[in-house]
């Protein structure tokens, strides 16, 4: 009985993390587009143009990286814990 409750909590936790991960991908790529389109109306000083485009590229690249991790199911936060559990079950 206790095992089923833990599994249900784990499933809910994974769904919440999946939704949050997709939301963050949308936020990062949306932020990149907003910065690239000068939504925040930064001045047209050349230094700010360069900074704006650099930030847009960084946000977009990180959004793509997060999307890749989301699609592949890579989760660095829980990876060590699962490795420890696998080692304990093998021993």
PDB file of N, CA and C in Angstrom:
ATOM      1  N   UNK A   1       0.826  -1.199   0.000  1.00  0.00           N
ATOM      2  CA  UNK A   1       0.000   0.000   0.000  1.00  0.00           C
ATOM      3  C   UNK A   1       0.869   1.261   0.000  1.00  0.00           C
ATOM      4  N   UNK A   2       1.880   1.281   0.838  1.00  0.00           N
ATOM      5  CA  UNK A   2       2.745   2.452   0.924  1.00  0.00           C
ATOM      6  C   UNK A   2       3.488   2.669  -0.389  1.00  0.00           C
ATOM      7  N   UNK A   3       3.854   1.574  -1.048  1.00  0.00           N
ATOM      8  CA  UNK A   3       4.583   1.668  -2.309  1.00  0.00           C
ATOM      9  C   UNK A   3       3.745   2.381  -3.376  1.00  0.00           C
ATOM     10  N   UNK A   4       2.441   2.096  -3.446  1.00  0.00           N
ATOM     11  CA  UNK A   4       1.573   2.735  -4.426  1.00  0.00           C
ATOM     12  C   UNK A   4       1.460   4.234  -4.162  1.00  0.00           C
ATOM     13  N   UNK A   5       1.384   4.636  -2.909  1.00  0.00           N
ATOM     14  CA  UNK A   5       1.286   6.051  -2.581  1.00  0.00           C
ATOM     15  C   UNK A   5       2.547   6.790  -3.013  1.00  0.00           C
ATOM     16  N   UNK A   6       3.689   6.162  -2.806  1.00  0.00           N
ATOM     17  CA  UNK A   6       4.945   6.786  -3.206  1.00  0.00           C
ATOM     18  C   UNK A   6       4.993   6.907  -4.728  1.00  0.00           C
ATOM     19  N   UNK A   7       4.556   5.880  -5.424  1.00  0.00           N
ATOM     20  CA  UNK A   7       4.562   5.933  -6.883  1.00  0.00           C
ATOM     21  C   UNK A   7       3.631   7.025  -7.397  1.00  0.00           C
ATOM     22  N   UNK A   8       2.452   7.161  -6.815  1.00  0.00           N
ATOM     23  CA  UNK A   8       1.521   8.201  -7.248  1.00  0.00           C
ATOM     24  C   UNK A   8       2.106   9.582  -7.005  1.00  0.00           C
ATOM     25  N   UNK A   9       2.755   9.775  -5.867  1.00  0.00           N
ATOM     26  CA  UNK A   9       3.410  11.054  -5.590  1.00  0.00           C
ATOM     27  C   UNK A   9       4.529  11.320  -6.572  1.00  0.00           C
ATOM     28  N   UNK A  10       5.240  10.282  -6.949  1.00  0.00           N
ATOM     29  CA  UNK A  10       6.331  10.420  -7.903  1.00  0.00           C
ATOM     30  C   UNK A  10       5.791  10.793  -9.284  1.00  0.00           C
ATOM     31  N   UNK A  11       4.681  10.196  -9.676  1.00  0.00           N
ATOM     32  CA  UNK A  11       4.083  10.506 -10.972  1.00  0.00           C
ATOM     33  C   UNK A  11       3.609  11.959 -11.005  1.00  0.00           C
ATOM     34  N   UNK A  12       2.966  12.386  -9.949  1.00  0.00           N
ATOM     35  CA  UNK A  12       2.499  13.777  -9.868  1.00  0.00           C
ATOM     36  C   UNK A  12       3.682  14.729  -9.908  1.00  0.00           C
ATOM     37  N   UNK A  13       4.745  14.385  -9.188  1.00  0.00           N
ATOM     38  CA  UNK A  13       5.942  15.224  -9.173  1.00  0.00           C
ATOM     39  C   UNK A  13       6.537  15.334 -10.568  1.00  0.00           C
ATOM     40  N   UNK A  14       6.570  14.232 -11.303  1.00  0.00           N
ATOM     41  CA  UNK A  14       7.120  14.258 -12.663  1.00  0.00           C
ATOM     42  C   UNK A  14       6.263  15.104 -13.596  1.00  0.00           C
ATOM     43  N   UNK A  15       4.954  15.019 -13.459  1.00  0.00           N
ATOM     44  CA  UNK A  15       4.061  15.814 -14.298  1.00  0.00           C
ATOM     45  C   UNK A  15       4.245  17.298 -14.019  1.00  0.00           C
ATOM     46  N   UNK A  16       4.354  17.647 -12.747  1.00  0.00           N
ATOM     47  CA  UNK A  16       4.556  19.058 -12.380  1.00  0.00           C
ATOM     48  C   UNK A  16       5.891  19.560 -12.917  1.00  0.00           C
ATOM     49  N   UNK A  17       6.934  18.743 -12.802  1.00  0.00           N
ATOM     50  CA  UNK A  17       8.249  19.141 -13.323  1.00  0.00           C
ATOM     51  C   UNK A  17       8.219  19.271 -14.838  1.00  0.00           C
ATOM     52  N   UNK A  18       7.452  18.396 -15.512  1.00  0.00           N
ATOM     53  CA  UNK A  18       7.346  18.476 -16.964  1.00  0.00           C
ATOM     54  C   UNK A  18       6.645  19.765 -17.385  1.00  0.00           C
ATOM     55  N   UNK A  19       5.552  20.094 -16.721  1.00  0.00           N
ATOM     56  CA  UNK A  19       4.824  21.321 -17.035  1.00  0.00           C
ATOM     57  C   UNK A  19       5.699  22.544 -16.772  1.00  0.00           C
ATOM     58  N   UNK A  20       6.398  22.537 -15.643  1.00  0.00           N
ATOM     59  CA  UNK A  20       7.284  23.652 -15.312  1.00  0.00           C
ATOM     60  C   UNK A  20       8.411  23.766 -16.334  1.00  0.00           C
ATOM     61  N   UNK A  21       8.961  22.629 -16.760  1.00  0.00           N
ATOM     62  CA  UNK A  21      10.040  22.643 -17.746  1.00  0.00           C
ATOM     63  C   UNK A  21       9.591  23.228 -19.075  1.00  0.00           C
ATOM     64  N   UNK A  22       8.406  22.830 -19.537  1.00  0.00           N
ATOM     65  CA  UNK A  22       7.883  23.367 -20.800  1.00  0.00           C
ATOM     66  C   UNK A  22       7.602  24.854 -20.653  1.00  0.00           C
ATOM     67  N   UNK A  23       7.048  25.254 -19.524  1.00  0.00           N
ATOM     68  CA  UNK A  23       6.772  26.669 -19.280  1.00  0.00           C
ATOM     69  C   UNK A  23       8.066  27.489 -19.316  1.00  0.00           C
ATOM     70  N   UNK A  24       9.117  26.971 -18.725  1.00  0.00           N
ATOM     71  CA  UNK A  24      10.380  27.705 -18.711  1.00  0.00           C
ATOM     72  C   UNK A  24      10.995  27.805 -20.103  1.00  0.00           C
ATOM     73  N   UNK A  25      10.825  26.775 -20.927  1.00  0.00           N
ATOM     74  CA  UNK A  25      11.299  26.847 -22.311  1.00  0.00           C
ATOM     75  C   UNK A  25      10.587  27.983 -23.026  1.00  0.00           C
ATOM     76  N   UNK A  26       9.281  28.072 -22.843  1.00  0.00           N
ATOM     77  CA  UNK A  26       8.498  29.140 -23.475  1.00  0.00           C
ATOM     78  C   UNK A  26       8.955  30.511 -22.962  1.00  0.00           C
ATOM     79  N   UNK A  27       9.222  30.608 -21.665  1.00  0.00           N
ATOM     80  CA  UNK A  27       9.663  31.881 -21.086  1.00  0.00           C
ATOM     81  C   UNK A  27      11.010  32.307 -21.667  1.00  0.00           C
ATOM     82  N   UNK A  28      11.978  31.397 -21.741  1.00  0.00           N
ATOM     83  CA  UNK A  28      13.306  31.760 -22.241  1.00  0.00           C
ATOM     84  C   UNK A  28      13.271  32.151 -23.715  1.00  0.00           C
ATOM     85  N   UNK A  29      12.577  31.373 -24.534  1.00  0.00           N
ATOM     86  CA  UNK A  29      12.513  31.708 -25.957  1.00  0.00           C
ATOM     87  C   UNK A  29      11.688  32.977 -26.165  1.00  0.00           C
ATOM     88  N   UNK A  30      10.619  33.151 -25.396  1.00  0.00           N
ATOM     89  CA  UNK A  30       9.831  34.382 -25.479  1.00  0.00           C
ATOM     90  C   UNK A  30      10.639  35.598 -25.068  1.00  0.00           C
ATOM     91  N   UNK A  31      11.455  35.440 -24.051  1.00  0.00           N
ATOM     92  CA  UNK A  31      12.307  36.547 -23.611  1.00  0.00           C
ATOM     93  C   UNK A  31      13.335  36.897 -24.685  1.00  0.00           C
ATOM     94  N   UNK A  32      13.874  35.882 -25.339  1.00  0.00           N
ATOM     95  CA  UNK A  32      14.832  36.131 -26.427  1.00  0.00           C
ATOM     96  C   UNK A  32      14.171  36.913 -27.553  1.00  0.00           C
ATOM     97  N   UNK A  33      12.960  36.538 -27.915  1.00  0.00           N
ATOM     98  CA  UNK A  33      12.245  37.241 -28.979  1.00  0.00           C
ATOM     99  C   UNK A  33      11.920  38.672 -28.549  1.00  0.00           C
ATOM    100  N   UNK A  34      11.490  38.839 -27.304  1.00  0.00           N
ATOM    101  CA  UNK A  34      11.149  40.181 -26.815  1.00  0.00           C
ATOM    102  C   UNK A  34      12.369  41.096 -26.803  1.00  0.00           C
ATOM    103  N   UNK A  35      13.505  40.568 -26.384  1.00  0.00           N
ATOM    104  CA  UNK A  35      14.720  41.388 -26.356  1.00  0.00           C
ATOM    105  C   UNK A  35      15.186  41.691 -27.774  1.00  0.00           C
ATOM    106  N   UNK A  36      15.106  40.714 -28.670  1.00  0.00           N
ATOM    107  CA  UNK A  36      15.544  40.927 -30.050  1.00  0.00           C
ATOM    108  C   UNK A  36      14.667  41.963 -30.761  1.00  0.00           C
ATOM    109  N   UNK A  37      13.383  41.998 -30.436  1.00  0.00           N
ATOM    110  CA  UNK A  37      12.461  42.959 -31.064  1.00  0.00           C
ATOM    111  C   UNK A  37      12.444  44.308 -30.361  1.00  0.00           C
ATOM    112  N   UNK A  38      13.293  44.491 -29.361  1.00  0.00           N
ATOM    113  CA  UNK A  38      13.390  45.729 -28.592  1.00  0.00           C
ATOM    114  C   UNK A  38      12.059  46.074 -27.908  1.00  0.00           C
ATOM    115  N   UNK A  39      11.426  45.063 -27.353  1.00  0.00           N
ATOM    116  CA  UNK A  39      10.155  45.249 -26.652  1.00  0.00           C
ATOM    117  C   UNK A  39      10.311  46.165 -25.439  1.00  0.00           C
ATOM    118  N   UNK A  40      11.456  46.108 -24.782  1.00  0.00           N
ATOM    119  CA  UNK A  40      11.683  46.887 -23.565  1.00  0.00           C
ATOM    120  C   UNK A  40      12.171  48.298 -23.862  1.00  0.00           C
ATOM    121  N   UNK A  41      12.261  48.657 -25.139  1.00  0.00           N
ATOM    122  CA  UNK A  41      12.609  49.993 -25.605  1.00  0.00           C
ATOM    123  C   UNK A  41      13.928  50.499 -25.016  1.00  0.00           C
ATOM    124  N   UNK A  42      14.949  49.656 -25.151  1.00  0.00           N
ATOM    125  CA  UNK A  42      16.268  50.108 -24.754  1.00  0.00           C
ATOM    126  C   UNK A  42      16.725  51.158 -25.749  1.00  0.00           C
ATOM    127  N   UNK A  43      17.544  52.074 -25.290  1.00  0.00           N
ATOM    128  CA  UNK A  43      17.985  53.162 -26.174  1.00  0.00           C
ATOM    129  C   UNK A  43      18.768  52.601 -27.362  1.00  0.00           C
ATOM    130  N   UNK A  44      18.889  53.412 -28.378  1.00  0.00           N
ATOM    131  CA  UNK A  44      19.562  52.974 -29.603  1.00  0.00           C
ATOM    132  C   UNK A  44      21.054  53.244 -29.599  1.00  0.00           C
ATOM    133  N   UNK A  45      21.629  53.379 -28.434  1.00  0.00           N
ATOM    134  CA  UNK A  45      23.075  53.536 -28.319  1.00  0.00           C
ATOM    135  C   UNK A  45      23.714  52.219 -28.784  1.00  0.00           C
ATOM    136  N   UNK A  46      24.776  52.280 -29.601  1.00  0.00           N
ATOM    137  CA  UNK A  46      25.367  51.041 -30.151  1.00  0.00           C
ATOM    138  C   UNK A  46      25.754  50.001 -29.094  1.00  0.00           C
ATOM    139  N   UNK A  47      26.213  50.463 -27.936  1.00  0.00           N
ATOM    140  CA  UNK A  47      26.595  49.509 -26.891  1.00  0.00           C
ATOM    141  C   UNK A  47      25.371  48.718 -26.423  1.00  0.00           C
ATOM    142  N   UNK A  48      24.228  49.392 -26.291  1.00  0.00           N
ATOM    143  CA  UNK A  48      23.011  48.709 -25.864  1.00  0.00           C
ATOM    144  C   UNK A  48      22.489  47.772 -26.942  1.00  0.00           C
ATOM    145  N   UNK A  49      22.679  48.121 -28.201  1.00  0.00           N
ATOM    146  CA  UNK A  49      22.276  47.224 -29.291  1.00  0.00           C
ATOM    147  C   UNK A  49      23.062  45.924 -29.224  1.00  0.00           C
ATOM    148  N   UNK A  50      24.355  46.039 -29.000  1.00  0.00           N
ATOM    149  CA  UNK A  50      25.208  44.856 -28.903  1.00  0.00           C
ATOM    150  C   UNK A  50      24.804  44.018 -27.692  1.00  0.00           C
ATOM    151  N   UNK A  51      24.597  44.679 -26.561  1.00  0.00           N
ATOM    152  CA  UNK A  51      24.199  43.962 -25.344  1.00  0.00           C
ATOM    153  C   UNK A  51      22.841  43.293 -25.544  1.00  0.00           C
ATOM    154  N   UNK A  52      21.933  43.982 -26.191  1.00  0.00           N
ATOM    155  CA  UNK A  52      20.596  43.440 -26.430  1.00  0.00           C
ATOM    156  C   UNK A  52      20.661  42.188 -27.290  1.00  0.00           C
ATOM    157  N   UNK A  53      21.431  42.218 -28.372  1.00  0.00           N
ATOM    158  CA  UNK A  53      21.536  41.052 -29.239  1.00  0.00           C
ATOM    159  C   UNK A  53      22.281  39.906 -28.565  1.00  0.00           C
ATOM    160  N   UNK A  54      23.291  40.226 -27.766  1.00  0.00           N
ATOM    161  CA  UNK A  54      23.997  39.174 -27.023  1.00  0.00           C
ATOM    162  C   UNK A  54      23.053  38.486 -26.037  1.00  0.00           C
ATOM    163  N   UNK A  55      22.275  39.272 -25.313  1.00  0.00           N
ATOM    164  CA  UNK A  55      21.312  38.686 -24.379  1.00  0.00           C
ATOM    165  C   UNK A  55      20.255  37.860 -25.105  1.00  0.00           C
ATOM    166  N   UNK A  56      19.799  38.329 -26.241  1.00  0.00           N
ATOM    167  CA  UNK A  56      18.806  37.586 -27.011  1.00  0.00           C
ATOM    168  C   UNK A  56      19.372  36.233 -27.454  1.00  0.00           C
ATOM    169  N   UNK A  57      20.611  36.227 -27.900  1.00  0.00           N
ATOM    170  CA  UNK A  57      21.245  34.973 -28.321  1.00  0.00           C
ATOM    171  C   UNK A  57      21.415  34.024 -27.147  1.00  0.00           C
ATOM    172  N   UNK A  58      21.837  34.559 -26.001  1.00  0.00           N
ATOM    173  CA  UNK A  58      22.026  33.713 -24.823  1.00  0.00           C
ATOM    174  C   UNK A  58      20.693  33.128 -24.351  1.00  0.00           C
ATOM    175  N   UNK A  59      19.660  33.936 -24.272  1.00  0.00           N
ATOM    176  CA  UNK A  59      18.343  33.433 -23.865  1.00  0.00           C
ATOM    177  C   UNK A  59      17.832  32.381 -24.847  1.00  0.00           C
ATOM    178  N   UNK A  60      17.992  32.626 -26.132  1.00  0.00           N
ATOM    179  CA  UNK A  60      17.510  31.673 -27.133  1.00  0.00           C
ATOM    180  C   UNK A  60      18.282  30.357 -27.045  1.00  0.00           C
ATOM    181  N   UNK A  61      19.605  30.444 -26.922  1.00  0.00           N
ATOM    182  CA  UNK A  61      20.428  29.233 -26.834  1.00  0.00           C
ATOM    183  C   UNK A  61      20.062  28.423 -25.583  1.00  0.00           C
ATOM    184  N   UNK A  62      19.874  29.109 -24.460  1.00  0.00           N
ATOM    185  CA  UNK A  62      19.524  28.398 -23.238  1.00  0.00           C
ATOM    186  C   UNK A  62      18.113  27.808 -23.343  1.00  0.00           C
ATOM    187  N   UNK A  63      17.209  28.495 -24.013  1.00  0.00           N
ATOM    188  CA  UNK A  63      15.867  27.954 -24.221  1.00  0.00           C
ATOM    189  C   UNK A  63      15.902  26.687 -25.062  1.00  0.00           C
ATOM    190  N   UNK A  64      16.724  26.672 -26.100  1.00  0.00           N
ATOM    191  CA  UNK A  64      16.881  25.478 -26.937  1.00  0.00           C
ATOM    192  C   UNK A  64      17.509  24.346 -26.124  1.00  0.00           C
ATOM    193  N   UNK A  65      18.499  24.679 -25.303  1.00  0.00           N
ATOM    194  CA  UNK A  65      19.139  23.675 -24.450  1.00  0.00           C
ATOM    195  C   UNK A  65      18.139  23.067 -23.468  1.00  0.00           C
ATOM    196  N   UNK A  66      17.312  23.916 -22.859  1.00  0.00           N
ATOM    197  CA  UNK A  66      16.278  23.411 -21.946  1.00  0.00           C
ATOM    198  C   UNK A  66      15.263  22.553 -22.679  1.00  0.00           C
ATOM    199  N   UNK A  67      14.910  22.942 -23.904  1.00  0.00           N
ATOM    200  CA  UNK A  67      13.967  22.148 -24.699  1.00  0.00           C
ATOM    201  C   UNK A  67      14.570  20.780 -25.021  1.00  0.00           C
ATOM    202  N   UNK A  68      15.845  20.747 -25.360  1.00  0.00           N
ATOM    203  CA  UNK A  68      16.520  19.475 -25.633  1.00  0.00           C
ATOM    204  C   UNK A  68      16.497  18.578 -24.397  1.00  0.00           C
ATOM    205  N   UNK A  69      16.845  19.158 -23.251  1.00  0.00           N
ATOM    206  CA  UNK A  69      16.813  18.377 -22.010  1.00  0.00           C
ATOM    207  C   UNK A  69      15.411  17.892 -21.692  1.00  0.00           C
ATOM    208  N   UNK A  70      14.415  18.715 -21.961  1.00  0.00           N
ATOM    209  CA  UNK A  70      13.022  18.346 -21.681  1.00  0.00           C
ATOM    210  C   UNK A  70      12.593  17.190 -22.581  1.00  0.00           C
ATOM    211  N   UNK A  71      12.942  17.255 -23.850  1.00  0.00           N
ATOM    212  CA  UNK A  71      12.559  16.203 -24.791  1.00  0.00           C
ATOM    213  C   UNK A  71      13.279  14.894 -24.472  1.00  0.00           C
ATOM    214  N   UNK A  72      14.552  14.969 -24.168  1.00  0.00           N
ATOM    215  CA  UNK A  72      15.327  13.771 -23.861  1.00  0.00           C
ATOM    216  C   UNK A  72      15.046  13.226 -22.462  1.00  0.00           C
ATOM    217  N   UNK A  73      14.459  14.022 -21.600  1.00  0.00           N
ATOM    218  CA  UNK A  73      14.166  13.572 -20.243  1.00  0.00           C
ATOM    219  C   UNK A  73      15.358  13.609 -19.317  1.00  0.00           C
ATOM    220  N   UNK A  74      16.312  14.464 -19.628  1.00  0.00           N
ATOM    221  CA  UNK A  74      17.508  14.597 -18.793  1.00  0.00           C
ATOM    222  C   UNK A  74      17.175  15.490 -17.610  1.00  0.00           C
ATOM    223  N   UNK A  75      17.418  14.970 -16.413  1.00  0.00           N
ATOM    224  CA  UNK A  75      17.111  15.719 -15.203  1.00  0.00           C
ATOM    225  C   UNK A  75      18.302  15.615 -14.266  1.00  0.00           C
ATOM    226  N   UNK A  76      19.162  16.618 -14.281  1.00  0.00           N
ATOM    227  CA  UNK A  76      20.388  16.578 -13.485  1.00  0.00           C
ATOM    228  C   UNK A  76      20.109  16.613 -11.990  1.00  0.00           C
ATOM    229  N   UNK A  77      19.008  17.198 -11.611  1.00  0.00           N
ATOM    230  CA  UNK A  77      18.679  17.359 -10.198  1.00  0.00           C
ATOM    231  C   UNK A  77      18.506  16.012  -9.509  1.00  0.00           C
ATOM    232  N   UNK A  78      17.870  15.060 -10.170  1.00  0.00           N
ATOM    233  CA  UNK A  78      17.562  13.777  -9.555  1.00  0.00           C
ATOM    234  C   UNK A  78      18.497  12.669 -10.015  1.00  0.00           C
ATOM    235  N   UNK A  79      19.449  12.944 -10.893  1.00  0.00           N
ATOM    236  CA  UNK A  79      20.294  11.921 -11.481  1.00  0.00           C
ATOM    237  C   UNK A  79      21.145  11.211 -10.434  1.00  0.00           C
ATOM    238  N   UNK A  80      21.777  11.932  -9.515  1.00  0.00           N
ATOM    239  CA  UNK A  80      22.629  11.320  -8.497  1.00  0.00           C
ATOM    240  C   UNK A  80      21.829  10.418  -7.577  1.00  0.00           C
ATOM    241  N   UNK A  81      20.623  10.826  -7.230  1.00  0.00           N
ATOM    242  CA  UNK A  81      19.787  10.035  -6.340  1.00  0.00           C
ATOM    243  C   UNK A  81      19.433   8.690  -6.968  1.00  0.00           C
ATOM    244  N   UNK A  82      19.113   8.690  -8.263  1.00  0.00           N
ATOM    245  CA  UNK A  82      18.766   7.442  -8.942  1.00  0.00           C
ATOM    246  C   UNK A  82      19.975   6.529  -9.066  1.00  0.00           C
ATOM    247  N   UNK A  83      21.159   7.091  -9.298  1.00  0.00           N
ATOM    248  CA  UNK A  83      22.361   6.274  -9.380  1.00  0.00           C
ATOM    249  C   UNK A  83      22.635   5.593  -8.043  1.00  0.00           C
ATOM    250  N   UNK A  84      22.449   6.318  -6.948  1.00  0.00           N
ATOM    251  CA  UNK A  84      22.660   5.741  -5.624  1.00  0.00           C
ATOM    252  C   UNK A  84      21.663   4.618  -5.363  1.00  0.00           C
ATOM    253  N   UNK A  85      20.392   4.825  -5.758  1.00  0.00           N
ATOM    254  CA  UNK A  85      19.381   3.783  -5.553  1.00  0.00           C
ATOM    255  C   UNK A  85      19.689   2.549  -6.380  1.00  0.00           C
ATOM    256  N   UNK A  86      20.172   2.721  -7.623  1.00  0.00           N
ATOM    257  CA  UNK A  86      20.523   1.586  -8.462  1.00  0.00           C
ATOM    258  C   UNK A  86      21.700   0.811  -7.858  1.00  0.00           C
ATOM    259  N   UNK A  87      22.693   1.531  -7.347  1.00  0.00           N
ATOM    260  CA  UNK A  87      23.841   0.871  -6.732  1.00  0.00           C
ATOM    261  C   UNK A  87      23.434   0.067  -5.507  1.00  0.00           C
ATOM    262  N   UNK A  88      22.503   0.620  -4.720  1.00  0.00           N
ATOM    263  CA  UNK A  88      22.042  -0.085  -3.522  1.00  0.00           C
ATOM    264  C   UNK A  88      21.262  -1.345  -3.878  1.00  0.00           C
ATOM    265  N   UNK A  89      20.467  -1.298  -4.940  1.00  0.00           N
ATOM    266  CA  UNK A  89      19.687  -2.473  -5.321  1.00  0.00           C
ATOM    267  C   UNK A  89      20.558  -3.542  -5.950  1.00  0.00           C
ATOM    268  N   UNK A  90      21.644  -3.148  -6.616  1.00  0.00           N
ATOM    269  CA  UNK A  90      22.552  -4.133  -7.221  1.00  0.00           C
ATOM    270  C   UNK A  90      23.376  -4.857  -6.163  1.00  0.00           C
ATOM    271  N   UNK A  91      23.683  -4.161  -5.080  1.00  0.00           N
ATOM    272  CA  UNK A  91      24.555  -4.736  -4.037  1.00  0.00           C
ATOM    273  C   UNK A  91      23.824  -5.741  -3.175  1.00  0.00           C
TER     274      UNK A  91
END
